[in-house]
Protein backbone atom coordinates (compact mmCIF):
# COMPACT_ATOMS: atom_id res chain seq x y z
CA ARG A 1 -0.12 -0.23 -0.01
CA ALA A 2 2.73 2.52 0.34
CA ILE A 3 4.67 1.38 -2.12
CA ASP A 4 2.20 1.99 -4.56
CA SER A 5 1.28 5.10 -3.21
CA ALA A 6 3.82 6.47 -4.02
CA LEU A 7 4.48 4.98 -7.14
CA GLY A 8 1.20 6.64 -7.82
CA GLN A 9 2.61 10.13 -7.42
CA THR A 10 1.23 13.08 -10.29
CA PHE A 11 4.10 14.09 -9.73
CA ILE A 12 6.87 11.11 -11.24
CA ASP A 13 10.89 12.72 -11.17
CA PHE A 14 11.76 11.41 -7.92
CA GLU A 15 13.45 8.00 -6.47
CA LEU A 16 11.99 5.37 -3.78
CA ILE A 17 14.17 4.28 -1.35
CA VAL A 18 12.68 1.58 0.88
CA VAL A 19 15.34 0.84 3.81
CA ASP A 20 14.66 -2.53 5.47
CA GLY A 21 16.04 -2.16 8.98
CA ALA A 22 16.03 -6.08 9.55
CA SER A 23 12.67 -6.91 9.21
CA GLU A 24 11.12 -10.56 9.68
CA ASP A 25 8.27 -10.80 6.95
CA ASP A 26 8.52 -10.99 3.24
CA THR A 27 9.49 -6.97 2.90
CA ARG A 28 12.60 -8.05 0.39
CA GLN A 29 10.28 -10.25 -1.31
CA VAL A 30 7.69 -7.10 -2.24
CA VAL A 31 9.98 -4.79 -2.82
CA GLU A 32 12.16 -7.32 -6.12
CA LYS A 33 8.51 -7.11 -7.56
CA TYR A 34 8.70 -3.22 -7.24
CA ILE A 35 12.50 -2.86 -8.79
CA GLN A 36 11.51 -5.50 -11.49
CA LYS A 37 8.89 -3.24 -12.56
CA ASP A 38 10.32 0.37 -11.54
CA GLN A 39 13.82 1.70 -11.69
CA ARG A 40 13.10 4.54 -9.45
CA VAL A 41 12.40 2.21 -6.60
CA LYS A 42 15.89 0.74 -4.45
CA TYR A 43 16.99 -1.35 -1.42
CA ILE A 44 18.50 -0.64 1.15
CA TYR A 45 18.91 -3.74 3.99
CA ILE A 46 20.14 -3.21 7.06
CA GLU A 47 21.31 -6.25 9.42
CA GLU A 48 20.74 -4.91 12.68
CA ASN A 49 17.56 -4.17 13.52
CA LYS A 50 18.33 -0.51 14.98
CA ASN A 51 16.01 2.13 15.11
CA ALA A 52 13.98 4.33 12.66
CA ALA A 53 16.46 7.56 12.41
CA TYR A 54 19.14 5.32 11.47
CA CYS A 55 17.43 3.88 8.54
CA PHE A 56 16.77 7.43 7.61
CA ASN A 57 20.22 8.45 7.31
CA THR A 58 21.26 5.38 5.61
CA GLY A 59 18.47 5.93 3.31
CA LEU A 60 19.50 9.91 3.01
CA LYS A 61 23.22 8.69 1.85
CA LYS A 62 21.91 7.29 -0.80
CA ALA A 63 19.48 9.97 -1.72
CA LEU A 64 20.33 12.23 -5.12
CA GLY A 65 17.32 14.04 -5.01
CA LYS A 66 17.30 18.08 -3.98
CA TYR A 67 13.85 17.08 -1.41
CA ILE A 68 13.26 14.07 1.30
CA SER A 69 9.30 12.91 1.76
CA ILE A 70 9.31 10.53 3.83
CA LEU A 71 7.17 7.19 4.20
CA ASP A 72 6.45 4.97 6.78
CA ASP A 73 5.65 1.79 5.87
CA ASP A 74 2.02 1.68 7.45
CA ASP A 75 0.64 4.98 5.58
CA GLU A 76 0.55 6.27 2.30
CA PHE A 77 0.39 9.17 0.52
CA PHE A 78 -3.14 11.11 -2.00
CA PRO A 79 -1.84 10.89 -5.13
CA THR A 80 -0.72 15.46 -5.27
CA LYS A 81 1.11 15.04 -2.04
CA LEU A 82 4.60 15.21 -3.74
CA GLU A 83 3.35 17.52 -6.98
CA LYS A 84 1.97 20.88 -4.53
CA GLN A 85 4.64 20.30 -1.75
CA VAL A 86 8.01 19.89 -4.69
CA LYS A 87 5.00 23.25 -6.07
CA LEU A 88 4.65 25.39 -2.79
CA MET A 89 8.95 24.64 -1.64
CA GLU A 90 10.13 26.01 -5.30
CA GLU A 91 7.76 28.87 -5.39
CA ARG A 92 8.81 29.76 -1.57
CA GLY A 93 12.69 29.15 -2.00
CA GLU A 94 15.48 28.62 -0.17
CA SER A 95 14.24 30.12 3.35
CA VAL A 96 11.76 27.11 3.89
CA GLY A 97 12.57 24.16 5.02
CA ILE A 98 10.11 22.18 5.71
CA VAL A 99 6.54 22.81 3.64
CA TYR A 100 4.27 19.76 5.47
CA CYS A 101 0.66 19.06 4.56
CA TRP A 102 -2.74 17.39 6.16
CA GLU A 103 -3.30 14.47 7.18
CA GLU A 104 -6.44 11.93 8.18
CA PHE A 105 -6.18 8.83 11.07
CA TRP A 106 -7.71 5.76 9.78
CA ASP A 107 -9.56 3.21 12.28
CA ASP A 108 -7.91 0.23 10.11
CA LYS A 109 -10.06 -2.52 12.29
CA LYS A 110 -13.33 -0.19 11.48
CA ASP A 111 -12.01 1.01 7.81
CA CYS A 112 -13.69 4.26 8.73
CA ARG A 113 -11.87 8.13 9.40
CA ILE A 114 -11.46 9.22 12.65
CA ARG A 115 -10.94 12.64 12.35
CA GLU A 116 -7.89 14.97 10.55
CA GLY A 117 -5.27 17.07 11.62
CA LYS A 118 -5.10 20.19 9.76
CA GLU A 119 -1.94 22.76 11.72
CA THR A 120 -1.76 26.10 10.33
CA SER A 121 0.96 26.62 11.57
CA LYS A 122 4.30 28.87 9.69
CA GLY A 123 6.86 30.44 9.24
CA GLN A 124 9.60 31.19 11.81
CA LEU A 125 8.40 27.66 14.14
CA TYR A 126 11.55 27.67 16.54
CA ASN A 127 10.16 29.03 19.29
CA GLN A 128 6.68 27.23 18.83
CA LEU A 129 7.76 23.40 17.91
CA LEU A 130 10.17 23.88 21.34
CA ALA A 131 6.39 23.57 23.98
CA GLY A 132 5.85 20.70 21.53
CA PRO A 133 4.82 19.29 17.99
CA CYS A 134 2.38 21.97 15.64
CA THR A 135 2.94 20.71 11.99
CA GLY A 136 1.80 16.68 12.39
CA GLY A 137 4.42 13.86 12.10
CA GLY A 138 7.75 12.66 9.73
CA THR A 139 4.82 12.06 6.43
CA LEU A 140 3.37 15.15 6.20
CA MET A 141 6.93 16.59 5.73
CA PHE A 142 8.65 17.76 2.81
CA ILE A 143 12.30 18.37 3.23
CA ARG A 144 15.02 20.69 1.81
CA LYS A 145 17.68 17.47 2.02
CA SER A 146 20.27 20.36 1.89
CA ALA A 147 18.73 22.04 5.56
CA ILE A 148 18.58 18.12 6.71
CA GLN A 149 22.84 18.01 6.17
CA LYS A 150 22.63 21.14 7.93
CA VAL A 151 21.49 19.66 11.75
CA GLY A 152 23.51 16.89 11.32
CA GLY A 153 20.53 14.39 10.07
CA PHE A 154 18.40 12.37 12.07
CA ASP A 155 19.69 12.31 15.98
CA ASP A 156 19.76 7.89 15.72
CA SER A 157 20.51 8.15 19.45
CA ILE A 158 17.30 7.83 20.19
CA LYS A 159 14.18 5.48 19.65
CA PHE A 160 11.70 7.27 18.04
CA GLY A 161 10.14 10.26 17.95
CA SER A 162 13.44 11.37 15.16
CA ASP A 163 11.13 13.60 13.01
CA TYR A 164 10.06 15.92 15.15
CA GLN A 165 13.14 16.57 16.83
CA LEU A 166 14.64 16.44 13.48
CA ASN A 167 11.94 19.01 12.49
CA LEU A 168 12.47 21.17 15.99
CA ASN A 169 16.09 21.40 14.41
CA ILE A 170 15.76 22.26 11.49
CA SER A 171 13.59 25.59 12.22
CA GLU A 172 15.93 26.55 14.61
CA TYR A 173 17.30 27.67 10.63
CA TYR A 174 14.90 27.75 8.14
CA GLU A 175 11.00 28.68 7.97
CA HIS A 176 7.89 25.99 7.63
CA ASP A 177 5.33 26.27 4.89
CA PHE A 178 2.13 23.58 4.41
CA VAL A 179 -0.28 22.50 1.52
CA PRO A 180 -3.92 23.88 3.22
CA GLU A 181 -5.28 19.85 2.11
CA VAL A 182 -5.29 15.54 3.53
CA LEU A 183 -2.25 14.94 1.36
CA VAL A 184 -1.98 12.21 3.29
CA ARG A 185 -3.78 8.88 4.89
CA THR A 186 -2.33 7.85 8.43
CA HIS A 187 -3.20 4.29 9.46
CA TRP A 188 -4.10 3.40 12.93
CA ASN A 189 -5.65 0.56 14.70
CA HIS A 190 -3.36 -2.23 12.97
CA LEU A 191 -1.36 -5.40 13.92
CA TYR A 192 1.40 -3.58 13.18
CA VAL A 193 4.33 -2.87 15.86
CA HIS A 194 4.36 1.45 15.77
CA LEU A 195 8.19 2.87 17.03
CA THR A 196 6.82 3.63 20.34
CA THR A 197 5.88 0.07 21.15
CA GLN A 198 7.85 -2.91 21.93
CA LYS A 199 6.55 -6.41 20.51
CA GLY A 200 2.89 -6.74 22.37
CA GLY A 201 2.05 -3.68 22.48
CA ILE A 202 3.85 -2.38 25.50
CA ILE A 203 4.89 1.18 25.34
CA ASP A 204 9.08 1.46 26.06
CA TYR A 205 8.62 4.16 28.60
CA ALA A 206 12.22 4.18 29.63
CA ALA A 207 13.16 6.21 25.97
CA VAL A 208 10.30 8.07 26.24
CA ILE A 209 11.93 9.97 29.01
CA GLU A 210 15.49 9.73 27.51
CA TYR A 211 13.96 11.13 24.49
CA TYR A 212 12.82 14.32 25.67
CA LYS A 213 15.08 14.64 28.56
CA LYS A 214 17.88 14.76 25.40
CA ILE A 215 15.52 17.59 23.65
CA LEU A 216 15.33 19.11 27.12
CA LYS A 217 19.27 18.83 26.94
CA ASP A 218 20.13 19.96 22.84
CA HIS A 219 18.19 22.91 22.37
CA GLN A 220 19.63 24.60 25.70
CA LYS A 221 19.66 27.96 24.85
CA GLY A 222 16.73 28.25 23.06
CA PHE A 223 14.83 27.13 26.43
CA GLU A 224 16.33 29.60 28.79
CA ARG A 225 15.10 32.44 26.29
CA TYR A 226 11.43 30.52 26.48
CA PRO A 227 11.44 28.50 29.80
CA ARG A 228 7.70 27.64 29.76
CA ALA A 229 8.11 25.65 26.43
CA ARG A 230 10.19 22.88 29.32
CA PHE A 231 6.36 22.49 30.70
CA TYR A 232 5.30 19.64 27.47
CA HIS A 233 8.41 18.56 28.41
CA TYR A 234 8.10 17.47 31.65
CA GLN A 235 4.94 16.98 31.32
CA SER A 236 5.50 14.11 28.75
CA ILE A 237 8.24 12.86 31.47
CA LEU A 238 6.40 12.83 33.81
CA SER A 239 3.25 11.18 32.29
CA ALA A 240 5.19 8.13 31.50
CA ALA A 241 7.10 8.25 34.52
CA SER A 242 4.28 7.63 36.43
CA ARG A 243 3.15 4.90 34.03
CA SER A 244 7.02 3.63 34.24
CA LYS A 245 6.05 4.00 38.40
CA LYS A 246 9.74 5.41 38.36
CA TYR A 247 8.49 7.98 41.43
CA GLN A 248 12.34 8.78 41.43
CA VAL A 249 12.20 10.48 37.70
CA TRP A 250 8.88 12.08 38.39
CA MET A 251 9.05 14.21 41.57
CA ARG A 252 11.75 14.98 40.17
CA TYR A 253 10.63 16.68 37.13
CA LEU A 254 8.22 18.15 39.56
CA LEU A 255 9.71 20.11 41.59
CA LYS A 256 11.79 21.54 38.19
CA GLY A 257 9.28 22.27 37.02
CA LEU A 258 7.96 23.94 40.76
CA SER A 259 11.09 25.07 40.43
CA GLU A 260 10.60 27.34 37.14
CA HIS A 261 10.60 30.99 37.00
CA VAL A 262 6.75 31.75 35.33
CA ASP A 263 3.31 32.43 36.11
CA PHE A 264 1.48 30.68 38.77
CA SER A 265 -1.05 29.64 37.00
CA LEU A 266 0.72 27.86 34.64
CA LYS A 267 3.00 25.85 37.66
CA MET A 268 -0.27 24.98 39.11
CA THR A 269 -2.32 23.16 36.19
CA PHE A 270 1.39 21.54 36.30
CA VAL A 271 1.38 20.11 39.07
CA GLY A 272 -2.56 19.11 38.93
CA LYS A 273 -2.26 17.54 35.46
CA ALA A 274 1.16 15.99 37.09
CA VAL A 275 -0.70 14.50 40.11
CA LYS A 276 -4.09 13.30 38.20
CA ARG A 277 -1.08 11.10 35.98
CA LEU A 278 0.43 9.65 39.59
CA CYS A 279 -2.88 8.78 41.39
CA ALA A 280 -3.85 6.95 37.68
CA SER A 281 -0.86 4.76 37.92
CA VAL A 282 -1.13 4.90 41.53
CA PHE A 283 -4.54 3.71 41.96
């Protein structure tokens, strides 16, 4: 489905690089059939199953194009996605690093649309992105390759969330824009394992905590200028810590939030959400 949606684009001047992170299914056999029919399709196999960011970086080393579009294997592009994003990127020029679009979330079990995601943030978004995602996930993004190279590629030291982190890193130097149309279908409630989960559907909360801690560290100067933005990441750590019963971590980041020099109402909202998460975990 993902490959068909890419090859069915109205914009045809591209290469499709399938990076196989040591999958245990028939990915190789499926891709080889497409390679025989379409010279745009290329296949890379990675012997060790690391993470999505490592796969992205491996594909980027082989990519010849001026722009990069990410497609997770459980999602699909609508036919005009690349055409419309290429057009806007070319019109806007070098100041724009990422053009995204809107998406619909699809329930595979019920075979129906759940909702639509229609973010409208554009321009200089660094401060806004510091406070959390505001442009949608990786499959929506159409990225200038030179912008990816400027920030050193994807961060392959983290297990998930590399698309948001790349988005944030690029926003320090480039603007964002978007195509105001639903051009991606994001699939949910299927049988496959998501990046944040282990086999069996168990969320790796330790990886979630380390992920948000790393963002706080990597963008320390940005958070010093805009301390309110830290609260999204603190709250995410508190949620993961309470769910995984890491109560020392929970207390540490609760105290960090209370020590921030921000208005009283924000602190109380933060504490209220933290306690609610903890109570739900304990009781």
